[in-house]
Amino acid sequence: METENRQVISVTELNSYIKSLLDDNPLLKRIAVKGEISNYRPNSSGHLYFTLKDEGSAIRCVMFKAAAQKLSFTPENGMKVIAVGSISAFVRDGQYQLYLSSLTPDGVGDLYVAFEQLKQRLGAEGLFDPAKKKPIPRYPRMIALVTSPTGAAIRDMLRILKKRYPIARVLVVPVKVQGVGAAEEIAEAITYLNGKRYIDVIIAGRGGGSIEDLWCFNEEVVARAIAASKIPVVSAVGHEPDVTIADYAADLRAATPSNGAELTTPDAAELTMRLNERQVLLARQMTARIDALAKRLEAIGEKRVYASPVNYIDEKRMALDYLVNRFQHVGEKVLTAGQHRLANAAARLDAMSPLKVLGRGYAIAMREDGSAVRRAADLAVGDSVSVRFAEGKANCEVTAIES
């Protein structure tokens, strides 16, 4: 048979041979491929798996954990990238893949992508909400500087703070402001200062530099430390065009470290001028007030009561006599009217008195209980009655009744 003249190999041997061909090809080592990410799926192991495609084709890509940890941005589906790595085959599946050593966004730097991604994510969490910004105290007593202890930035800030507001005390917390571990030091310093009640405001920053130099102020750990600070934080990083994540998280952004020192303190010269103006104004107001009171006192002194107190007392006596006379007159009128009303009432009462009737020759028959007998029918023969006359009474016995 024809197969008897050929060497028969296993699938594994075939895939291993193809892998060795790919691995030994110098053109397929350290190759850069441009395309769009799709089917992106990070693995719990830390490895990244996705497909790199263009308009006409696609290739599988693998980025192991060690290389993935060095990425400064998070890959996303649809992102155009430049992938650098080597072509090799996966023996088990017979699939050739691009094993990546680095990954860079196409058209923009990876740091810029990382910046935008973190900015969007933290913004969605509300870390940059203007409503959460704390006001900067107008007259701080203790200012903390979180920055490098060397360099122009610290010198400029100290010079401006001393010139503008020399009565404020300044605490310098030295930290690294670039390189490995710088972000962690800055965050730890801000957290440390929040344990000090005497700190009124924190200025965190450094002088200008490249985006790589300023990158520690774009780290998430710094942004979260600033947002969590109970003490107002001023971000003073780089030069005017430089914008960092710390600027968004801070309560106030300063264009430069020097500007940060200016924004956190009042100008002593301006305060002195304003105090002098207030002093002059206060002196004028006090003078005007004293003059007004003096004129008022003079007017009071010219009143007759103060010029001659005896005359004032005589006037009051006359007024009292007048009131007494009025009270007496009114009292006499009230008394006379009352007497007249009493006399009239007595006359009417006397006219209605039963004694008047008896005086005209009439008599009143009364029972033993004192009640008047109104009708003869109310009596019976043998009843005893008392007959009341105008003068005296007579006890009688009923012997006959006529109706």
Protein backbone atom coordinates (compact mmCIF):
# COMPACT_ATOMS: atom_id res chain seq x y z
CA MET A 1 0.00 0.00 0.00
CA GLU A 2 1.02 3.54 -0.61
CA THR A 3 0.92 4.39 3.07
CA GLU A 4 3.46 1.68 3.75
CA ASN A 5 6.12 3.78 1.98
CA ARG A 6 5.39 6.90 4.11
CA GLN A 7 6.20 7.71 7.71
CA VAL A 8 3.07 7.78 9.87
CA ILE A 9 3.13 10.25 12.82
CA SER A 10 0.67 11.14 15.56
CA VAL A 11 -1.35 14.33 15.78
CA THR A 12 0.72 15.46 18.73
CA GLU A 13 3.93 14.89 16.77
CA LEU A 14 2.52 16.88 13.85
CA ASN A 15 1.45 19.82 16.02
CA SER A 16 4.77 19.75 17.85
CA TYR A 17 6.64 19.85 14.54
CA ILE A 18 4.55 22.81 13.35
CA LYS A 19 5.21 24.56 16.66
CA SER A 20 8.96 24.06 16.28
CA LEU A 21 8.82 25.51 12.77
CA LEU A 22 7.02 28.58 14.05
CA ASP A 23 9.28 28.98 17.07
CA ASP A 24 12.45 28.73 14.95
CA ASN A 25 11.29 31.30 12.39
CA PRO A 26 13.08 34.60 13.21
CA LEU A 27 10.45 36.57 11.28
CA LEU A 28 7.76 35.43 13.74
CA LYS A 29 9.65 36.47 16.85
CA ARG A 30 9.05 39.88 18.38
CA ILE A 31 6.54 40.73 15.68
CA ALA A 32 4.23 43.77 15.94
CA VAL A 33 0.65 43.30 14.72
CA LYS A 34 -2.00 46.02 14.44
CA GLY A 35 -5.68 45.21 14.82
CA GLU A 36 -8.90 45.52 16.81
CA ILE A 37 -9.62 43.62 20.02
CA SER A 38 -12.65 41.32 20.09
CA ASN A 39 -13.83 38.44 22.27
CA TYR A 40 -11.82 39.91 25.15
CA ARG A 41 -12.04 37.81 28.31
CA PRO A 42 -9.71 38.19 31.28
CA ASN A 43 -9.13 34.95 33.17
CA SER A 44 -9.15 34.49 36.95
CA SER A 45 -5.55 33.31 36.63
CA GLY A 46 -4.56 36.78 35.45
CA HIS A 47 -3.97 35.72 31.83
CA LEU A 48 -5.69 37.66 29.03
CA TYR A 49 -7.32 35.98 26.03
CA PHE A 50 -8.77 37.78 23.01
CA THR A 51 -8.87 37.90 19.22
CA LEU A 52 -7.04 40.47 17.15
CA LYS A 53 -8.81 41.18 13.88
CA ASP A 54 -8.95 43.50 10.92
CA GLU A 55 -11.27 43.75 7.90
CA GLY A 56 -10.11 40.46 6.36
CA SER A 57 -8.78 38.13 9.05
CA ALA A 58 -8.30 37.33 12.74
CA ILE A 59 -5.73 35.71 15.03
CA ARG A 60 -5.96 34.43 18.57
CA CYS A 61 -3.88 36.22 21.20
CA VAL A 62 -2.66 35.26 24.66
CA MET A 63 -1.03 37.54 27.22
CA PHE A 64 0.22 35.81 30.34
CA LYS A 65 -0.17 37.31 33.81
CA ALA A 66 3.42 38.56 34.14
CA ALA A 67 3.07 40.71 31.01
CA ALA A 68 -0.57 41.68 31.72
CA GLN A 69 0.35 43.15 35.11
CA LYS A 70 2.58 45.70 33.41
CA LEU A 71 -0.31 47.19 31.41
CA SER A 72 -1.26 50.72 32.48
CA PHE A 73 -4.72 50.44 30.88
CA THR A 74 -7.49 47.87 30.64
CA PRO A 75 -8.05 46.33 27.18
CA GLU A 76 -11.59 46.60 25.86
CA ASN A 77 -13.50 45.12 22.93
CA GLY A 78 -13.31 47.40 19.90
CA MET A 79 -10.05 49.03 21.02
CA LYS A 80 -7.46 49.38 18.29
CA VAL A 81 -4.06 48.26 19.51
CA ILE A 82 -0.57 47.33 18.46
CA ALA A 83 0.33 43.89 19.85
CA VAL A 84 3.99 42.86 20.15
CA GLY A 85 4.87 39.22 20.64
CA SER A 86 5.82 35.90 19.01
CA ILE A 87 3.86 33.45 16.87
CA SER A 88 3.68 29.90 18.23
CA ALA A 89 1.31 26.96 18.25
CA PHE A 90 -0.69 25.35 21.02
CA VAL A 91 0.05 21.69 20.58
CA ARG A 92 -3.09 20.40 22.24
CA ASP A 93 -5.51 22.22 19.89
CA GLY A 94 -3.30 22.60 16.85
CA GLN A 95 -3.99 26.35 16.88
CA TYR A 96 -1.31 28.91 16.24
CA GLN A 97 -1.53 32.07 18.37
CA LEU A 98 0.17 35.35 19.02
CA TYR A 99 1.79 35.28 22.48
CA LEU A 100 2.03 38.92 23.58
CA SER A 101 4.80 40.56 25.52
CA SER A 102 3.32 44.08 25.29
CA LEU A 103 0.17 45.86 24.16
CA THR A 104 -0.20 49.52 23.22
CA PRO A 105 -3.28 51.48 22.10
CA ASP A 106 -3.00 52.42 18.45
CA GLY A 107 -2.98 56.17 17.84
CA VAL A 108 -2.84 57.25 21.52
CA GLY A 109 -0.51 56.40 24.36
CA ASP A 110 -1.41 53.73 26.85
CA LEU A 111 -1.04 56.23 29.70
CA TYR A 112 -3.64 58.45 28.09
CA VAL A 113 -6.01 55.51 27.74
CA ALA A 114 -5.41 54.52 31.34
CA PHE A 115 -6.07 58.13 32.40
CA GLU A 116 -9.39 58.29 30.56
CA GLN A 117 -10.51 54.89 31.80
CA LEU A 118 -9.78 55.70 35.45
CA LYS A 119 -11.32 59.14 35.12
CA GLN A 120 -14.52 57.67 33.69
CA ARG A 121 -14.74 54.90 36.30
CA LEU A 122 -14.10 57.12 39.32
CA GLY A 123 -16.40 59.79 37.93
CA ALA A 124 -19.18 57.21 37.64
CA GLU A 125 -18.64 56.37 41.33
CA GLY A 126 -19.17 60.03 42.27
CA LEU A 127 -15.63 60.78 43.45
CA PHE A 128 -15.56 64.00 41.42
CA ASP A 129 -19.04 65.23 42.43
CA PRO A 130 -18.88 69.04 42.92
CA ALA A 131 -21.42 68.75 45.73
CA LYS A 132 -18.85 66.81 47.77
CA LYS A 133 -16.15 69.48 47.49
CA LYS A 134 -15.14 70.99 50.82
CA PRO A 135 -14.54 74.75 51.12
CA ILE A 136 -11.00 75.98 51.65
CA PRO A 137 -10.70 77.87 54.97
CA ARG A 138 -10.19 81.61 54.50
CA TYR A 139 -7.68 81.97 57.32
CA PRO A 140 -5.85 78.65 57.83
CA ARG A 141 -3.74 78.29 60.94
CA MET A 142 -1.88 75.11 59.90
CA ILE A 143 -1.09 74.18 56.28
CA ALA A 144 0.34 70.76 55.38
CA LEU A 145 2.46 70.30 52.25
CA VAL A 146 2.59 66.78 50.78
CA THR A 147 5.44 66.96 48.29
CA SER A 148 9.10 66.25 47.71
CA PRO A 149 11.37 67.85 50.31
CA THR A 150 13.76 68.90 47.54
CA GLY A 151 13.24 70.82 44.35
CA ALA A 152 11.82 74.15 43.25
CA ALA A 153 8.19 73.35 44.13
CA ILE A 154 8.69 73.16 47.90
CA ARG A 155 10.87 76.28 47.89
CA ASP A 156 8.32 78.26 45.89
CA MET A 157 5.43 77.23 48.13
CA LEU A 158 7.30 78.05 51.35
CA ARG A 159 8.41 81.41 49.96
CA ILE A 160 4.89 82.40 48.90
CA LEU A 161 3.26 81.18 52.11
CA LYS A 162 5.74 83.18 54.21
CA LYS A 163 5.23 86.29 52.11
CA ARG A 164 1.45 86.16 51.82
CA TYR A 165 0.44 84.84 55.24
CA PRO A 166 3.37 84.60 57.65
CA ILE A 167 1.17 83.88 60.69
CA ALA A 168 0.20 80.46 59.32
CA ARG A 169 2.22 77.45 60.43
CA VAL A 170 3.45 75.04 57.75
CA LEU A 171 4.01 71.30 58.14
CA VAL A 172 6.01 69.58 55.37
CA VAL A 173 5.31 65.86 54.89
CA PRO A 174 8.09 64.60 52.58
CA VAL A 175 7.10 61.98 49.97
CA LYS A 176 8.29 60.63 46.66
CA VAL A 177 6.51 62.35 43.79
CA GLN A 178 7.51 60.03 40.96
CA GLY A 179 8.59 56.49 40.39
CA VAL A 180 7.68 53.21 42.03
CA GLY A 181 5.86 53.58 45.36
CA ALA A 182 5.29 57.34 44.98
CA ALA A 183 1.48 57.04 44.75
CA GLU A 184 1.34 54.90 47.87
CA GLU A 185 3.47 57.38 49.83
CA ILE A 186 1.26 60.31 48.82
CA ALA A 187 -1.92 58.44 49.76
CA GLU A 188 -0.44 57.37 53.11
CA ALA A 189 0.61 60.96 53.88
CA ILE A 190 -2.90 62.29 53.23
CA THR A 191 -4.39 59.56 55.42
CA TYR A 192 -1.83 60.32 58.14
CA LEU A 193 -2.68 64.02 58.14
CA ASN A 194 -6.38 63.24 58.54
CA GLY A 195 -5.52 61.92 61.98
CA LYS A 196 -4.25 65.38 63.01
CA ARG A 197 -7.04 67.70 64.09
CA TYR A 198 -4.90 70.80 63.90
CA ILE A 199 -4.44 70.62 60.09
CA ASP A 200 -6.70 73.08 58.26
CA VAL A 201 -5.78 72.40 54.62
CA ILE A 202 -3.51 70.07 52.63
CA ILE A 203 -1.58 71.01 49.48
CA ALA A 204 -0.47 67.95 47.50
CA GLY A 205 1.66 68.42 44.41
CA ARG A 206 4.96 68.75 42.65
CA GLY A 207 6.61 70.71 39.87
CA GLY A 208 6.25 70.09 36.16
CA GLY A 209 7.45 67.10 34.18
CA SER A 210 6.44 64.54 31.60
CA ILE A 211 3.25 62.53 31.90
CA GLU A 212 5.35 59.67 33.20
CA ASP A 213 6.85 61.93 35.89
CA LEU A 214 3.41 63.11 37.01
CA TRP A 215 1.80 59.71 36.76
CA CYS A 216 1.66 58.99 40.50
CA PHE A 217 -1.00 61.73 40.75
CA ASN A 218 -3.06 59.74 38.24
CA GLU A 219 -3.08 56.62 40.38
CA GLU A 220 -6.36 55.38 41.84
CA VAL A 221 -4.94 55.07 45.35
CA VAL A 222 -4.15 58.81 45.42
CA ALA A 223 -7.55 59.79 44.05
CA ARG A 224 -9.36 57.72 46.67
CA ALA A 225 -7.20 59.10 49.50
CA ILE A 226 -8.00 62.66 48.41
CA ALA A 227 -11.72 61.94 48.05
CA ALA A 228 -11.84 60.29 51.50
CA SER A 229 -9.99 63.16 53.22
CA LYS A 230 -11.99 65.08 55.82
CA ILE A 231 -9.49 67.92 55.47
CA PRO A 232 -9.77 70.07 52.31
CA VAL A 233 -7.15 69.08 49.73
CA VAL A 234 -5.66 71.37 47.08
CA SER A 235 -4.09 69.59 44.10
CA ALA A 236 -1.10 71.57 42.79
CA VAL A 237 0.59 69.39 40.17
CA GLY A 238 2.83 70.45 37.29
CA HIS A 239 2.13 73.47 35.09
CA GLU A 240 -1.08 75.09 33.84
CA PRO A 241 -1.82 72.61 30.99
CA ASP A 242 -1.16 69.54 33.17
CA VAL A 243 -4.35 67.90 34.41
CA THR A 244 -4.30 64.83 36.65
CA ILE A 245 -6.85 62.56 38.29
CA ALA A 246 -5.85 64.19 41.59
CA ASP A 247 -7.10 67.52 40.19
CA TYR A 248 -10.56 66.05 39.67
CA ALA A 249 -10.67 64.40 43.11
CA ALA A 250 -9.34 67.42 45.03
CA ASP A 251 -11.51 70.10 46.59
CA LEU A 252 -9.62 72.73 44.62
CA ARG A 253 -7.25 72.55 41.64
CA ALA A 254 -4.26 74.87 41.44
CA ALA A 255 -2.45 75.46 38.17
CA THR A 256 0.98 75.16 39.80
CA PRO A 257 2.42 74.58 43.29
CA SER A 258 2.95 78.33 43.63
CA ASN A 259 -0.67 78.93 42.68
CA GLY A 260 -1.69 76.36 45.30
CA ALA A 261 0.05 78.39 48.00
CA GLU A 262 -1.70 81.53 46.76
CA LEU A 263 -5.16 79.94 46.68
CA THR A 264 -4.96 78.63 50.24
CA THR A 265 -3.88 81.86 51.95
CA PRO A 266 -5.04 85.46 52.06
CA ASP A 267 -2.59 88.22 51.19
CA ALA A 268 -1.26 89.78 54.40
CA ALA A 269 -0.66 93.11 52.65
CA GLU A 270 -4.22 93.18 51.39
CA LEU A 271 -5.53 92.23 54.83
CA THR A 272 -3.51 95.05 56.41
CA MET A 273 -4.93 97.54 53.92
CA ARG A 274 -8.48 96.33 54.55
CA LEU A 275 -7.97 96.53 58.32
CA ASN A 276 -6.68 100.09 57.99
CA GLU A 277 -9.72 101.01 55.90
CA ARG A 278 -12.02 99.43 58.48
CA GLN A 279 -10.20 101.29 61.26
CA VAL A 280 -10.71 104.64 59.52
CA LEU A 281 -14.35 103.83 58.83
CA LEU A 282 -14.91 102.75 62.44
CA ALA A 283 -13.29 105.95 63.73
CA ARG A 284 -15.58 108.05 61.52
CA GLN A 285 -18.65 106.17 62.65
CA MET A 286 -17.66 106.52 66.32
CA THR A 287 -17.06 110.27 65.88
CA ALA A 288 -20.42 110.71 64.19
CA ARG A 289 -22.12 108.70 66.93
CA ILE A 290 -20.48 110.73 69.69
CA ASP A 291 -21.48 114.01 67.97
CA ALA A 292 -25.08 112.84 67.64
CA LEU A 293 -25.22 111.85 71.31
CA ALA A 294 -23.68 115.16 72.36
CA LYS A 295 -26.33 117.11 70.42
CA ARG A 296 -29.05 114.97 71.94
CA LEU A 297 -27.67 115.61 75.43
CA GLU A 298 -27.52 119.33 74.76
CA ALA A 299 -31.13 119.36 73.56
CA ILE A 300 -32.24 117.48 76.68
CA GLY A 301 -30.37 119.93 78.89
CA GLU A 302 -32.27 122.83 77.35
CA LYS A 303 -35.67 121.43 78.32
CA ARG A 304 -37.55 123.36 81.06
CA VAL A 305 -37.73 120.39 83.36
CA TYR A 306 -33.98 120.24 83.60
CA ALA A 307 -33.49 124.02 83.63
CA SER A 308 -35.93 124.52 86.59
CA PRO A 309 -37.02 121.32 88.35
CA VAL A 310 -39.27 123.26 90.82
CA ASN A 311 -41.39 124.64 87.98
CA TYR A 312 -41.76 121.12 86.66
CA ILE A 313 -42.98 119.92 90.09
CA ASP A 314 -45.45 122.87 90.34
CA GLU A 315 -46.86 121.98 86.93
CA LYS A 316 -47.38 118.41 88.04
CA ARG A 317 -49.07 119.61 91.26
CA MET A 318 -51.48 121.75 89.25
CA ALA A 319 -52.25 118.82 87.03
CA LEU A 320 -52.87 116.67 90.13
CA ASP A 321 -55.23 119.31 91.62
CA TYR A 322 -57.15 119.38 88.37
CA LEU A 323 -57.53 115.61 88.40
CA VAL A 324 -58.65 115.64 92.07
CA ASN A 325 -61.33 118.26 91.33
CA ARG A 326 -62.54 116.24 88.37
CA PHE A 327 -62.76 113.08 90.45
CA GLN A 328 -64.72 114.94 93.19
CA HIS A 329 -67.13 116.45 90.67
CA VAL A 330 -67.72 113.15 88.97
CA GLY A 331 -68.12 111.41 92.34
CA GLU A 332 -70.75 113.95 93.49
CA LYS A 333 -72.70 113.50 90.26
CA VAL A 334 -72.63 109.73 90.60
CA LEU A 335 -73.69 109.93 94.28
CA THR A 336 -76.58 112.34 93.55
CA ALA A 337 -77.84 110.18 90.71
CA GLY A 338 -77.68 107.13 92.97
CA GLN A 339 -79.63 108.91 95.70
CA HIS A 340 -82.34 109.87 93.20
CA ARG A 341 -82.60 106.30 91.94
CA LEU A 342 -82.82 105.02 95.52
CA ALA A 343 -85.59 107.49 96.42
CA ASN A 344 -87.59 106.56 93.33
CA ALA A 345 -87.22 102.86 94.05
CA ALA A 346 -88.27 103.38 97.71
CA ALA A 347 -91.34 105.33 96.61
CA ARG A 348 -92.35 102.61 94.16
CA LEU A 349 -91.77 99.94 96.79
CA ASP A 350 -93.80 101.88 99.39
CA ALA A 351 -96.67 102.27 96.95
CA MET A 352 -96.81 98.53 96.47
CA SER A 353 -96.64 97.75 100.23
CA PRO A 354 -99.64 95.78 101.67
CA LEU A 355 -99.54 98.06 104.69
CA LYS A 356 -100.76 100.92 102.48
CA VAL A 357 -103.78 98.81 101.56
CA LEU A 358 -104.48 98.03 105.19
CA GLY A 359 -104.26 101.71 106.03
CA ARG A 360 -107.26 102.37 103.80
CA GLY A 361 -109.48 100.09 105.98
CA TYR A 362 -108.79 96.72 104.48
CA ALA A 363 -107.71 93.58 106.41
CA ILE A 364 -105.87 90.38 105.58
CA ALA A 365 -107.00 86.94 106.73
CA MET A 366 -104.11 84.59 107.37
CA ARG A 367 -103.89 80.92 108.30
CA GLU A 368 -101.89 79.59 111.18
CA ASP A 369 -98.91 78.92 108.84
CA GLY A 370 -98.88 82.62 107.83
CA SER A 371 -100.27 82.18 104.29
CA ALA A 372 -102.95 84.59 103.09
CA VAL A 373 -106.51 83.36 102.58
CA ARG A 374 -107.55 84.35 99.08
CA ARG A 375 -110.99 82.69 98.81
CA ALA A 376 -113.69 81.86 101.33
CA ALA A 377 -113.96 78.43 99.75
CA ASP A 378 -110.43 77.71 101.01
CA LEU A 379 -111.75 77.76 104.62
CA ALA A 380 -113.96 75.41 106.57
CA VAL A 381 -116.29 76.08 109.51
CA GLY A 382 -114.27 75.87 112.69
CA ASP A 383 -110.94 76.96 111.10
CA SER A 384 -108.92 79.46 113.02
CA VAL A 385 -107.70 82.51 111.14
CA SER A 386 -105.79 85.61 112.07
CA VAL A 387 -107.11 88.89 110.71
CA ARG A 388 -104.39 91.54 110.20
CA PHE A 389 -105.40 95.19 110.34
CA ALA A 390 -103.44 98.37 109.74
CA GLU A 391 -102.86 98.37 113.44
CA GLY A 392 -102.87 94.99 115.23
CA LYS A 393 -104.61 91.72 114.47
CA ALA A 394 -107.47 89.56 115.72
CA ASN A 395 -107.65 85.77 116.04
CA CYS A 396 -111.07 84.53 114.78
CA GLU A 397 -112.92 81.27 114.27
CA VAL A 398 -114.91 80.58 111.14
CA THR A 399 -118.58 80.01 112.05
CA ALA A 400 -120.09 80.28 108.60
CA ILE A 401 -118.92 80.48 104.98
CA GLU A 402 -120.62 82.33 102.18
CA SER A 403 -119.44 81.86 98.69
